[in-house]
Structure formats: C-alpha cells, structure tokens
C-alpha cells in the first residue's frame, strides 16, 4: 500500500488543525503546520487551521480560578476532536489538565521554548525597582503568590487577556507591571520585551513553553503523520512535570511551580507550592535517572503534598 502521507493532501483533503484564536495560539498552530509542511514536503493547501472559540477566551471579566480553571481553554477544542471535526489540536501544555478525555491522547511535544517568565513594565526594569505599593497585574495565582512572597508590599490585580491585551492595559497604566511567558514573546517575535527571570527566582508553571499535539486515540494515521515532530527530551520533561502536577491535583486554582532540567542521563526537578498570598512557600529540588521521569515527579508531589498538609491550598 502506498504511503498516504506522501500525497498532496491528507486523506485527499487538508489536515484540520484546531486552535484557539489568539495571536499566540495562531502562531503555535502555524509553527506546527510549517514544521509538518517541511517534514512531509507538502504545500499550504494540505492543511487547514480551524479557529475554535473556548470558554476561557469568551469570559474575560472573571478570574480563571473562579470559573473553572484550565479546562476552560481546552474543552471546546477537545469536543471538536472527539466529533472528528478536526484531526489534531494544538495546545499550550501549561493550559492542559492532567486528566484528558478517555478517547484522546497527547503523545507529541514540540521542542520546548524558553520556559521562564518575563517581567514587563513601562517604567521599571526589575521587581526590586517597583516602589512600595505599586500595582502589578496578573491572572496567574502562581505568579501572584510568587511575587507576594518576594514583595508583600505590592498590590496585585486581576489582568486577563491575550499578550496584546495585557500590553495595552500596561500602556493605559492599569498596572505598573505584569508578567508574560518568554516562550509566548519569542513565538510572537517580541524577543526584546521585558526582563526574563531566573527559574530560581520565579519558578515557571508546569509545562510552560511547550506545545502539545492532541489527537484521537486509535487514529494511527494522524499519529504517524504528526509523530516526527516529537522532541524526546521535552516529552521526558512533561512526564516529570505533569506527574508532579497530577499528585497535587494542580489547576488554575492552585499556586504551583515546577520545572525539569535534563543533564545527560540525570533529571533535576525544581518544585514548589505556595499559599495564594505568598505567606508560605514549600520548595525543593529532586534528582534522578532519565529512565524514571514519572517516579521523580510523583515523589516530589508527594513530599510537597505532605509538607503542605490537607488544607494548604484553601
């Protein structure tokens, strides 16, 4: 049987790639499409990018922690995968719940972009420069807790919206500063914007900087087609970090940071949990073999869960 993927079109029609509609989400979908075009020597007409509105995008006037957390950015897209309206979904992995719908899987991860957070301000170069009582905008409970752990004198306000919306709010002086992911800035070609923060100072969200491709289980033709994009070291990082998050039942309602570094055959994992007001932080560093990524994440999660106690995140 001839290889279907050498055809001009996928299944004699374009491969349908589902994504959110923000500039960053579209940049990630186009990055995926361009890589597939290169690998399979296909043209633009072999792909169709399908923009799907999600509840997280539609509801902008309330905090994510109030309206349901991470699934708000994924459910509508996953419904389209299950109904086979689209073939593959492109996600920011930091938005993905640790439990997926029973018939879906994420088995392809693009190589990780810069996982760090960037400090953004019209007037100040770093957190330490902010005058006492300055207003910082963020929709992330993790960033809020980490910031208050460093500077309890600052005021943190809700700051929803895509990258462009948040930068506009900053220009309008709604806040003195905010934070954006370096990965998103890089993918939008805003390389010089802000000041990247070391992970030791502000530990990133689990899976920050990673694009994951989700598809329907059992659809081997789609999986075979997208599999060449998988970056194995990034996949190992995801096994550590998402195992850690799963133990802690992490969502947008919980301030959690986690990042796995790979040095040769060893994994070094930084993990932390925080009270939402930054008043208490439990963190540590774990190491182990690259052959046991999930065990490292589970151990770290269990240790911090025990340290925090039953009602830590309340």
C-alpha atoms as a PDB file:
ATOM      1  CA  UNK A   1       0.000   0.000   0.000  1.00  0.00           C
ATOM      2  CA  UNK A   2       1.455   3.443  -0.868  1.00  0.00           C
ATOM      3  CA  UNK A   3       2.251   5.812   1.964  1.00  0.00           C
ATOM      4  CA  UNK A   4      -0.762   8.142   2.306  1.00  0.00           C
ATOM      5  CA  UNK A   5       1.394  10.874   3.769  1.00  0.00           C
ATOM      6  CA  UNK A   6       3.319  11.396   0.552  1.00  0.00           C
ATOM      7  CA  UNK A   7       0.074  12.533  -1.045  1.00  0.00           C
ATOM      8  CA  UNK A   8      -0.535  16.207  -1.669  1.00  0.00           C
ATOM      9  CA  UNK A   9      -3.412  16.194   0.801  1.00  0.00           C
ATOM     10  CA  UNK A  10      -4.160  14.243   3.970  1.00  0.00           C
ATOM     11  CA  UNK A  11      -6.873  11.630   3.310  1.00  0.00           C
ATOM     12  CA  UNK A  12      -7.303  13.513  -0.008  1.00  0.00           C
ATOM     13  CA  UNK A  13      -8.307  16.592   1.994  1.00  0.00           C
ATOM     14  CA  UNK A  14      -6.465  19.079   4.217  1.00  0.00           C
ATOM     15  CA  UNK A  15      -5.351  18.042   7.694  1.00  0.00           C
ATOM     16  CA  UNK A  16      -7.582  20.055  10.041  1.00  0.00           C
ATOM     17  CA  UNK A  17      -5.616  21.687  12.877  1.00  0.00           C
ATOM     18  CA  UNK A  18      -7.709  23.017  15.768  1.00  0.00           C
ATOM     19  CA  UNK A  19      -6.577  26.002  17.833  1.00  0.00           C
ATOM     20  CA  UNK A  20      -7.733  28.954  19.901  1.00  0.00           C
ATOM     21  CA  UNK A  21      -7.910  32.263  18.062  1.00  0.00           C
ATOM     22  CA  UNK A  22      -5.433  34.466  19.940  1.00  0.00           C
ATOM     23  CA  UNK A  23      -2.344  35.691  18.045  1.00  0.00           C
ATOM     24  CA  UNK A  24      -0.151  33.406  20.174  1.00  0.00           C
ATOM     25  CA  UNK A  25      -2.371  30.349  19.650  1.00  0.00           C
ATOM     26  CA  UNK A  26      -2.378  31.010  15.895  1.00  0.00           C
ATOM     27  CA  UNK A  27       1.414  31.409  15.932  1.00  0.00           C
ATOM     28  CA  UNK A  28       1.693  27.986  17.604  1.00  0.00           C
ATOM     29  CA  UNK A  29      -0.702  26.395  15.110  1.00  0.00           C
ATOM     30  CA  UNK A  30       1.220  27.891  12.198  1.00  0.00           C
ATOM     31  CA  UNK A  31       4.529  26.737  13.679  1.00  0.00           C
ATOM     32  CA  UNK A  32       3.091  23.213  13.803  1.00  0.00           C
ATOM     33  CA  UNK A  33       1.765  23.455  10.259  1.00  0.00           C
ATOM     34  CA  UNK A  34       5.072  24.793   8.887  1.00  0.00           C
ATOM     35  CA  UNK A  35       7.063  22.011  10.525  1.00  0.00           C
ATOM     36  CA  UNK A  36       4.706  19.395   9.073  1.00  0.00           C
ATOM     37  CA  UNK A  37       4.967  21.036   5.646  1.00  0.00           C
ATOM     38  CA  UNK A  38       8.759  20.789   5.806  1.00  0.00           C
ATOM     39  CA  UNK A  39       8.874  17.207   7.091  1.00  0.00           C
ATOM     40  CA  UNK A  40       6.347  15.838   4.593  1.00  0.00           C
ATOM     41  CA  UNK A  41       7.211  18.158   1.673  1.00  0.00           C
ATOM     42  CA  UNK A  42       3.627  19.398   1.455  1.00  0.00           C
ATOM     43  CA  UNK A  43       2.147  22.747   0.469  1.00  0.00           C
ATOM     44  CA  UNK A  44      -0.134  25.151   2.327  1.00  0.00           C
ATOM     45  CA  UNK A  45      -3.249  23.599   0.764  1.00  0.00           C
ATOM     46  CA  UNK A  46      -2.569  20.316   2.572  1.00  0.00           C
ATOM     47  CA  UNK A  47      -3.576  21.968   5.868  1.00  0.00           C
ATOM     48  CA  UNK A  48      -6.493  23.900   7.283  1.00  0.00           C
ATOM     49  CA  UNK A  49      -6.252  25.851  10.539  1.00  0.00           C
ATOM     50  CA  UNK A  50      -9.613  25.789  12.341  1.00  0.00           C
ATOM     51  CA  UNK A  51     -10.140  28.510  14.969  1.00  0.00           C
ATOM     52  CA  UNK A  52     -12.309  27.361  17.880  1.00  0.00           C
ATOM     53  CA  UNK A  53     -13.699  29.725  20.498  1.00  0.00           C
ATOM     54  CA  UNK A  54     -13.225  28.448  24.060  1.00  0.00           C
ATOM     55  CA  UNK A  55     -14.982  29.491  27.250  1.00  0.00           C
ATOM     56  CA  UNK A  56     -11.687  30.768  28.644  1.00  0.00           C
ATOM     57  CA  UNK A  57     -11.437  33.176  25.710  1.00  0.00           C
ATOM     58  CA  UNK A  58     -15.090  34.233  25.836  1.00  0.00           C
ATOM     59  CA  UNK A  59     -15.175  35.066  29.566  1.00  0.00           C
ATOM     60  CA  UNK A  60     -12.630  37.836  30.201  1.00  0.00           C
ATOM     61  CA  UNK A  61     -14.136  39.655  33.179  1.00  0.00           C
ATOM     62  CA  UNK A  62     -13.560  36.990  35.830  1.00  0.00           C
ATOM     63  CA  UNK A  63     -10.527  35.167  37.220  1.00  0.00           C
ATOM     64  CA  UNK A  64      -9.853  31.683  35.825  1.00  0.00           C
ATOM     65  CA  UNK A  65      -9.849  30.322  39.374  1.00  0.00           C
ATOM     66  CA  UNK A  66     -13.476  31.461  39.737  1.00  0.00           C
ATOM     67  CA  UNK A  67     -14.888  29.956  36.552  1.00  0.00           C
ATOM     68  CA  UNK A  68     -13.291  26.545  36.249  1.00  0.00           C
ATOM     69  CA  UNK A  69      -9.530  26.597  35.670  1.00  0.00           C
ATOM     70  CA  UNK A  70      -7.510  25.043  32.873  1.00  0.00           C
ATOM     71  CA  UNK A  71     -10.278  23.066  31.147  1.00  0.00           C
ATOM     72  CA  UNK A  72     -11.813  26.362  30.033  1.00  0.00           C
ATOM     73  CA  UNK A  73      -9.186  26.623  27.286  1.00  0.00           C
ATOM     74  CA  UNK A  74      -9.446  23.029  26.100  1.00  0.00           C
ATOM     75  CA  UNK A  75     -12.955  21.534  26.349  1.00  0.00           C
ATOM     76  CA  UNK A  76     -14.431  23.158  23.233  1.00  0.00           C
ATOM     77  CA  UNK A  77     -11.399  22.128  21.183  1.00  0.00           C
ATOM     78  CA  UNK A  78     -11.472  18.578  22.558  1.00  0.00           C
ATOM     79  CA  UNK A  79     -15.189  18.284  21.718  1.00  0.00           C
ATOM     80  CA  UNK A  80     -14.244  19.015  18.096  1.00  0.00           C
ATOM     81  CA  UNK A  81     -11.552  16.318  18.237  1.00  0.00           C
ATOM     82  CA  UNK A  82     -13.999  13.757  19.612  1.00  0.00           C
ATOM     83  CA  UNK A  83     -16.554  14.576  16.905  1.00  0.00           C
ATOM     84  CA  UNK A  84     -13.746  14.436  14.289  1.00  0.00           C
ATOM     85  CA  UNK A  85     -14.469  17.989  13.115  1.00  0.00           C
ATOM     86  CA  UNK A  86     -10.704  18.479  13.451  1.00  0.00           C
ATOM     87  CA  UNK A  87      -7.837  15.961  13.199  1.00  0.00           C
ATOM     88  CA  UNK A  88      -5.342  17.393  15.664  1.00  0.00           C
ATOM     89  CA  UNK A  89      -5.404  20.086  18.357  1.00  0.00           C
ATOM     90  CA  UNK A  90      -2.503  22.416  19.153  1.00  0.00           C
ATOM     91  CA  UNK A  91      -2.256  23.336  22.842  1.00  0.00           C
ATOM     92  CA  UNK A  92      -0.061  25.306  25.203  1.00  0.00           C
ATOM     93  CA  UNK A  93       0.711  22.469  27.597  1.00  0.00           C
ATOM     94  CA  UNK A  94       0.546  24.729  30.657  1.00  0.00           C
ATOM     95  CA  UNK A  95      -3.196  25.091  29.913  1.00  0.00           C
ATOM     96  CA  UNK A  96      -3.804  21.328  29.843  1.00  0.00           C
ATOM     97  CA  UNK A  97      -5.437  19.449  32.738  1.00  0.00           C
ATOM     98  CA  UNK A  98      -3.504  16.366  33.826  1.00  0.00           C
ATOM     99  CA  UNK A  99      -6.503  14.148  33.041  1.00  0.00           C
ATOM    100  CA  UNK A 100      -7.618  14.036  29.412  1.00  0.00           C
ATOM    101  CA  UNK A 101     -10.924  12.765  27.985  1.00  0.00           C
ATOM    102  CA  UNK A 102     -10.857   8.983  27.768  1.00  0.00           C
ATOM    103  CA  UNK A 103     -10.575   8.791  23.970  1.00  0.00           C
ATOM    104  CA  UNK A 104      -7.922  11.484  23.500  1.00  0.00           C
ATOM    105  CA  UNK A 105      -4.143  11.496  23.915  1.00  0.00           C
ATOM    106  CA  UNK A 106      -1.180  13.854  23.759  1.00  0.00           C
ATOM    107  CA  UNK A 107       1.835  11.922  22.553  1.00  0.00           C
ATOM    108  CA  UNK A 108       3.672  14.570  20.512  1.00  0.00           C
ATOM    109  CA  UNK A 109       5.524  17.513  22.086  1.00  0.00           C
ATOM    110  CA  UNK A 110       7.394  20.135  20.093  1.00  0.00           C
ATOM    111  CA  UNK A 111      10.806  21.191  21.368  1.00  0.00           C
ATOM    112  CA  UNK A 112      10.421  23.455  24.389  1.00  0.00           C
ATOM    113  CA  UNK A 113      10.791  27.209  24.065  1.00  0.00           C
ATOM    114  CA  UNK A 114      12.251  29.383  26.856  1.00  0.00           C
ATOM    115  CA  UNK A 115      10.217  28.348  29.959  1.00  0.00           C
ATOM    116  CA  UNK A 116      10.948  31.465  32.030  1.00  0.00           C
ATOM    117  CA  UNK A 117       8.634  34.330  32.967  1.00  0.00           C
ATOM    118  CA  UNK A 118       9.471  37.856  31.861  1.00  0.00           C
ATOM    119  CA  UNK A 119       8.936  40.972  33.993  1.00  0.00           C
ATOM    120  CA  UNK A 120       7.233  43.647  31.887  1.00  0.00           C
ATOM    121  CA  UNK A 121       6.930  47.323  32.804  1.00  0.00           C
ATOM    122  CA  UNK A 122       6.796  50.682  31.037  1.00  0.00           C
ATOM    123  CA  UNK A 123       8.862  52.314  33.816  1.00  0.00           C
ATOM    124  CA  UNK A 124      10.834  49.705  35.758  1.00  0.00           C
ATOM    125  CA  UNK A 125      13.449  47.137  34.768  1.00  0.00           C
ATOM    126  CA  UNK A 126      13.049  44.626  37.595  1.00  0.00           C
ATOM    127  CA  UNK A 127      10.798  43.671  40.509  1.00  0.00           C
ATOM    128  CA  UNK A 128      13.130  45.313  43.017  1.00  0.00           C
ATOM    129  CA  UNK A 129      12.713  48.684  41.259  1.00  0.00           C
ATOM    130  CA  UNK A 130       8.963  48.836  41.920  1.00  0.00           C
ATOM    131  CA  UNK A 131       8.104  51.464  44.563  1.00  0.00           C
ATOM    132  CA  UNK A 132       6.227  50.288  47.640  1.00  0.00           C
ATOM    133  CA  UNK A 133       2.513  49.847  46.912  1.00  0.00           C
ATOM    134  CA  UNK A 134       2.971  49.511  43.143  1.00  0.00           C
ATOM    135  CA  UNK A 135       0.208  47.723  41.224  1.00  0.00           C
ATOM    136  CA  UNK A 136       1.076  44.527  39.358  1.00  0.00           C
ATOM    137  CA  UNK A 137      -1.432  42.843  37.050  1.00  0.00           C
ATOM    138  CA  UNK A 138      -1.626  39.079  36.550  1.00  0.00           C
ATOM    139  CA  UNK A 139      -4.306  36.427  36.102  1.00  0.00           C
ATOM    140  CA  UNK A 140      -1.959  33.705  37.394  1.00  0.00           C
ATOM    141  CA  UNK A 141      -2.331  32.663  41.036  1.00  0.00           C
ATOM    142  CA  UNK A 142       1.185  31.211  40.838  1.00  0.00           C
ATOM    143  CA  UNK A 143       2.748  34.491  39.697  1.00  0.00           C
ATOM    144  CA  UNK A 144       0.718  36.428  42.265  1.00  0.00           C
ATOM    145  CA  UNK A 145       1.854  34.156  45.114  1.00  0.00           C
ATOM    146  CA  UNK A 146       5.485  34.153  43.970  1.00  0.00           C
ATOM    147  CA  UNK A 147       5.509  37.937  43.635  1.00  0.00           C
ATOM    148  CA  UNK A 148       3.966  38.479  47.080  1.00  0.00           C
ATOM    149  CA  UNK A 149       6.483  36.050  48.582  1.00  0.00           C
ATOM    150  CA  UNK A 150       9.190  38.392  47.245  1.00  0.00           C
ATOM    151  CA  UNK A 151       7.383  41.720  47.787  1.00  0.00           C
ATOM    152  CA  UNK A 152       4.424  41.574  50.185  1.00  0.00           C
ATOM    153  CA  UNK A 153       4.100  45.370  49.917  1.00  0.00           C
ATOM    154  CA  UNK A 154       2.857  45.237  46.314  1.00  0.00           C
ATOM    155  CA  UNK A 155      -0.774  45.253  45.204  1.00  0.00           C
ATOM    156  CA  UNK A 156      -1.798  42.540  42.711  1.00  0.00           C
ATOM    157  CA  UNK A 157      -4.857  42.966  40.484  1.00  0.00           C
ATOM    158  CA  UNK A 158      -6.623  40.660  38.004  1.00  0.00           C
ATOM    159  CA  UNK A 159      -5.170  41.022  34.485  1.00  0.00           C
ATOM    160  CA  UNK A 160      -6.928  38.756  31.952  1.00  0.00           C
ATOM    161  CA  UNK A 161      -6.459  38.717  28.183  1.00  0.00           C
ATOM    162  CA  UNK A 162      -4.008  37.667  25.486  1.00  0.00           C
ATOM    163  CA  UNK A 163      -0.491  39.099  25.213  1.00  0.00           C
ATOM    164  CA  UNK A 164      -1.583  42.120  23.177  1.00  0.00           C
ATOM    165  CA  UNK A 165      -4.474  42.914  25.527  1.00  0.00           C
ATOM    166  CA  UNK A 166      -2.245  42.825  28.593  1.00  0.00           C
ATOM    167  CA  UNK A 167       0.391  45.037  26.953  1.00  0.00           C
ATOM    168  CA  UNK A 168      -2.348  47.513  26.036  1.00  0.00           C
ATOM    169  CA  UNK A 169      -3.542  47.580  29.661  1.00  0.00           C
ATOM    170  CA  UNK A 170       0.022  48.295  30.744  1.00  0.00           C
ATOM    171  CA  UNK A 171       0.272  51.237  28.330  1.00  0.00           C
ATOM    172  CA  UNK A 172      -3.047  52.527  29.686  1.00  0.00           C
ATOM    173  CA  UNK A 173      -1.485  52.451  33.186  1.00  0.00           C
ATOM    174  CA  UNK A 174      -3.997  49.937  34.568  1.00  0.00           C
ATOM    175  CA  UNK A 175      -0.940  48.471  36.318  1.00  0.00           C
ATOM    176  CA  UNK A 176       2.715  49.370  36.799  1.00  0.00           C
ATOM    177  CA  UNK A 177       3.977  45.945  35.712  1.00  0.00           C
ATOM    178  CA  UNK A 178       2.940  42.464  34.656  1.00  0.00           C
ATOM    179  CA  UNK A 179       4.487  39.116  33.699  1.00  0.00           C
ATOM    180  CA  UNK A 180       4.424  37.273  30.384  1.00  0.00           C
ATOM    181  CA  UNK A 181       5.906  33.934  29.390  1.00  0.00           C
ATOM    182  CA  UNK A 182       9.172  34.257  27.456  1.00  0.00           C
ATOM    183  CA  UNK A 183       8.021  31.434  25.180  1.00  0.00           C
ATOM    184  CA  UNK A 184       4.979  33.402  24.040  1.00  0.00           C
ATOM    185  CA  UNK A 185       7.009  36.554  23.491  1.00  0.00           C
ATOM    186  CA  UNK A 186       9.551  34.627  21.422  1.00  0.00           C
ATOM    187  CA  UNK A 187       6.848  32.970  19.303  1.00  0.00           C
ATOM    188  CA  UNK A 188       5.358  36.403  18.618  1.00  0.00           C
ATOM    189  CA  UNK A 189       8.806  37.788  17.691  1.00  0.00           C
ATOM    190  CA  UNK A 190       8.788  40.118  20.734  1.00  0.00           C
ATOM    191  CA  UNK A 191      12.215  38.884  21.795  1.00  0.00           C
ATOM    192  CA  UNK A 192      13.473  42.072  23.431  1.00  0.00           C
ATOM    193  CA  UNK A 193      10.391  42.792  25.543  1.00  0.00           C
ATOM    194  CA  UNK A 194      10.823  42.659  29.313  1.00  0.00           C
ATOM    195  CA  UNK A 195      13.372  41.078  31.619  1.00  0.00           C
ATOM    196  CA  UNK A 196      13.492  37.253  31.859  1.00  0.00           C
ATOM    197  CA  UNK A 197      13.534  35.970  35.433  1.00  0.00           C
ATOM    198  CA  UNK A 198      15.749  33.065  36.527  1.00  0.00           C
ATOM    199  CA  UNK A 199      13.742  29.942  37.385  1.00  0.00           C
ATOM    200  CA  UNK A 200      15.295  30.050  40.866  1.00  0.00           C
ATOM    201  CA  UNK A 201      13.565  33.405  41.414  1.00  0.00           C
ATOM    202  CA  UNK A 202      10.218  32.674  39.765  1.00  0.00           C
ATOM    203  CA  UNK A 203       9.654  29.005  39.048  1.00  0.00           C
ATOM    204  CA  UNK A 204       7.624  28.586  35.854  1.00  0.00           C
ATOM    205  CA  UNK A 205       4.251  26.934  35.569  1.00  0.00           C
ATOM    206  CA  UNK A 206       4.407  23.218  34.863  1.00  0.00           C
ATOM    207  CA  UNK A 207       4.877  22.682  31.095  1.00  0.00           C
ATOM    208  CA  UNK A 208       5.401  26.393  30.355  1.00  0.00           C
ATOM    209  CA  UNK A 209       6.881  26.875  26.882  1.00  0.00           C
ATOM    210  CA  UNK A 210       5.723  23.518  25.484  1.00  0.00           C
ATOM    211  CA  UNK A 211       3.355  22.942  22.557  1.00  0.00           C
ATOM    212  CA  UNK A 212       1.496  19.633  22.718  1.00  0.00           C
ATOM    213  CA  UNK A 213      -0.426  17.956  19.910  1.00  0.00           C
ATOM    214  CA  UNK A 214      -3.607  16.140  20.915  1.00  0.00           C
ATOM    215  CA  UNK A 215      -5.354  13.555  18.752  1.00  0.00           C
ATOM    216  CA  UNK A 216      -7.984  10.861  18.995  1.00  0.00           C
ATOM    217  CA  UNK A 217      -6.841   7.507  20.362  1.00  0.00           C
ATOM    218  CA  UNK A 218      -6.683   4.781  17.752  1.00  0.00           C
ATOM    219  CA  UNK A 219      -6.234   7.195  14.854  1.00  0.00           C
ATOM    220  CA  UNK A 220      -2.846   5.824  13.871  1.00  0.00           C
ATOM    221  CA  UNK A 221      -2.805   7.683  10.560  1.00  0.00           C
ATOM    222  CA  UNK A 222      -2.910  11.054  12.281  1.00  0.00           C
ATOM    223  CA  UNK A 223      -0.423   9.964  14.940  1.00  0.00           C
ATOM    224  CA  UNK A 224       2.030   8.611  12.368  1.00  0.00           C
ATOM    225  CA  UNK A 225       1.739  11.880  10.472  1.00  0.00           C
ATOM    226  CA  UNK A 226       2.498  14.153  13.446  1.00  0.00           C
ATOM    227  CA  UNK A 227       4.932  11.859  15.301  1.00  0.00           C
ATOM    228  CA  UNK A 228       8.079  13.181  13.541  1.00  0.00           C
ATOM    229  CA  UNK A 229       7.559  16.500  15.380  1.00  0.00           C
ATOM    230  CA  UNK A 230       8.014  14.863  18.779  1.00  0.00           C
ATOM    231  CA  UNK A 231      11.046  16.079  20.772  1.00  0.00           C
ATOM    232  CA  UNK A 232      12.026  13.308  23.147  1.00  0.00           C
ATOM    233  CA  UNK A 233      13.769  15.382  25.832  1.00  0.00           C
ATOM    234  CA  UNK A 234      10.729  17.660  26.015  1.00  0.00           C
ATOM    235  CA  UNK A 235       8.500  14.581  26.313  1.00  0.00           C
ATOM    236  CA  UNK A 236      10.581  13.416  29.293  1.00  0.00           C
ATOM    237  CA  UNK A 237      10.276  16.840  30.924  1.00  0.00           C
ATOM    238  CA  UNK A 238       6.498  16.611  30.505  1.00  0.00           C
ATOM    239  CA  UNK A 239       6.390  13.173  32.138  1.00  0.00           C
ATOM    240  CA  UNK A 240       8.145  14.596  35.209  1.00  0.00           C
ATOM    241  CA  UNK A 241       6.239  17.857  35.462  1.00  0.00           C
ATOM    242  CA  UNK A 242       2.740  16.562  34.705  1.00  0.00           C
ATOM    243  CA  UNK A 243       3.209  13.619  37.099  1.00  0.00           C
ATOM    244  CA  UNK A 244       4.129  16.159  39.783  1.00  0.00           C
ATOM    245  CA  UNK A 245       1.061  18.256  38.986  1.00  0.00           C
ATOM    246  CA  UNK A 246      -1.254  15.244  38.963  1.00  0.00           C
ATOM    247  CA  UNK A 247      -0.257  14.306  42.529  1.00  0.00           C
ATOM    248  CA  UNK A 248      -1.070  17.839  43.699  1.00  0.00           C
ATOM    249  CA  UNK A 249      -4.288  17.999  41.662  1.00  0.00           C
ATOM    250  CA  UNK A 250      -2.985  21.233  40.196  1.00  0.00           C
ATOM    251  CA  UNK A 251      -5.183  23.636  38.268  1.00  0.00           C
ATOM    252  CA  UNK A 252      -5.501  27.383  37.726  1.00  0.00           C
ATOM    253  CA  UNK A 253      -6.890  27.448  41.266  1.00  0.00           C
ATOM    254  CA  UNK A 254      -3.605  26.344  42.831  1.00  0.00           C
ATOM    255  CA  UNK A 255      -0.238  28.196  43.033  1.00  0.00           C
ATOM    256  CA  UNK A 256       2.251  25.552  41.884  1.00  0.00           C
ATOM    257  CA  UNK A 257       5.576  25.844  40.073  1.00  0.00           C
ATOM    258  CA  UNK A 258       7.609  23.028  38.561  1.00  0.00           C
ATOM    259  CA  UNK A 259      10.423  22.651  36.065  1.00  0.00           C
ATOM    260  CA  UNK A 260      12.540  19.670  35.000  1.00  0.00           C
ATOM    261  CA  UNK A 261      16.085  20.116  33.681  1.00  0.00           C
ATOM    262  CA  UNK A 262      17.925  17.303  31.907  1.00  0.00           C
ATOM    263  CA  UNK A 263      21.690  16.948  32.219  1.00  0.00           C
ATOM    264  CA  UNK A 264      22.922  13.916  30.307  1.00  0.00           C
ATOM    265  CA  UNK A 265      21.282  10.898  31.944  1.00  0.00           C
ATOM    266  CA  UNK A 266      20.100  12.835  35.025  1.00  0.00           C
ATOM    267  CA  UNK A 267      16.943  14.820  35.684  1.00  0.00           C
ATOM    268  CA  UNK A 268      16.980  17.782  38.071  1.00  0.00           C
ATOM    269  CA  UNK A 269      13.478  18.834  39.107  1.00  0.00           C
ATOM    270  CA  UNK A 270      12.537  22.062  40.919  1.00  0.00           C
ATOM    271  CA  UNK A 271       9.107  22.051  42.531  1.00  0.00           C
ATOM    272  CA  UNK A 272       7.189  24.373  44.822  1.00  0.00           C
ATOM    273  CA  UNK A 273       3.764  25.065  46.290  1.00  0.00           C
ATOM    274  CA  UNK A 274       2.681  28.414  47.701  1.00  0.00           C
ATOM    275  CA  UNK A 275      -0.085  29.942  49.756  1.00  0.00           C
ATOM    276  CA  UNK A 276      -2.061  32.258  47.487  1.00  0.00           C
ATOM    277  CA  UNK A 277      -0.933  35.327  49.476  1.00  0.00           C
ATOM    278  CA  UNK A 278       2.734  34.306  49.298  1.00  0.00           C
ATOM    279  CA  UNK A 279       2.946  33.922  53.084  1.00  0.00           C
ATOM    280  CA  UNK A 280       4.238  30.335  52.947  1.00  0.00           C
ATOM    281  CA  UNK A 281       6.326  28.515  50.344  1.00  0.00           C
ATOM    282  CA  UNK A 282       7.412  24.870  50.314  1.00  0.00           C
ATOM    283  CA  UNK A 283      10.022  24.013  47.686  1.00  0.00           C
ATOM    284  CA  UNK A 284      12.849  21.624  46.976  1.00  0.00           C
ATOM    285  CA  UNK A 285      14.993  20.098  44.244  1.00  0.00           C
ATOM    286  CA  UNK A 286      14.898  16.409  43.335  1.00  0.00           C
ATOM    287  CA  UNK A 287      17.180  14.403  41.075  1.00  0.00           C
ATOM    288  CA  UNK A 288      17.020  11.011  39.440  1.00  0.00           C
ATOM    289  CA  UNK A 289      17.610   8.958  36.343  1.00  0.00           C
ATOM    290  CA  UNK A 290      16.259   9.983  32.961  1.00  0.00           C
ATOM    291  CA  UNK A 291      14.804   6.459  32.777  1.00  0.00           C
ATOM    292  CA  UNK A 292      12.356   7.173  35.629  1.00  0.00           C
ATOM    293  CA  UNK A 293      10.793  10.572  34.902  1.00  0.00           C
ATOM    294  CA  UNK A 294       7.338   9.867  36.313  1.00  0.00           C
ATOM    295  CA  UNK A 295       8.748   8.484  39.568  1.00  0.00           C
ATOM    296  CA  UNK A 296      10.650  11.750  40.163  1.00  0.00           C
ATOM    297  CA  UNK A 297       7.535  13.860  39.619  1.00  0.00           C
ATOM    298  CA  UNK A 298       5.404  11.640  41.834  1.00  0.00           C
ATOM    299  CA  UNK A 299       7.984  11.669  44.648  1.00  0.00           C
ATOM    300  CA  UNK A 300       8.243  15.474  44.516  1.00  0.00           C
ATOM    301  CA  UNK A 301       4.474  15.845  44.506  1.00  0.00           C
ATOM    302  CA  UNK A 302       4.019  13.528  47.468  1.00  0.00           C
ATOM    303  CA  UNK A 303       6.730  15.261  49.523  1.00  0.00           C
ATOM    304  CA  UNK A 304       5.238  18.725  48.969  1.00  0.00           C
ATOM    305  CA  UNK A 305       1.700  17.455  49.489  1.00  0.00           C
ATOM    306  CA  UNK A 306       2.718  16.075  52.877  1.00  0.00           C
ATOM    307  CA  UNK A 307       4.551  19.287  53.800  1.00  0.00           C
ATOM    308  CA  UNK A 308       1.588  21.423  52.872  1.00  0.00           C
ATOM    309  CA  UNK A 309      -0.990  19.361  54.701  1.00  0.00           C
ATOM    310  CA  UNK A 310      -4.645  18.818  53.921  1.00  0.00           C
ATOM    311  CA  UNK A 311      -5.882  22.413  53.606  1.00  0.00           C
ATOM    312  CA  UNK A 312      -2.772  24.127  52.223  1.00  0.00           C
ATOM    313  CA  UNK A 313      -4.412  25.497  49.057  1.00  0.00           C
ATOM    314  CA  UNK A 314      -7.590  26.728  50.740  1.00  0.00           C
END
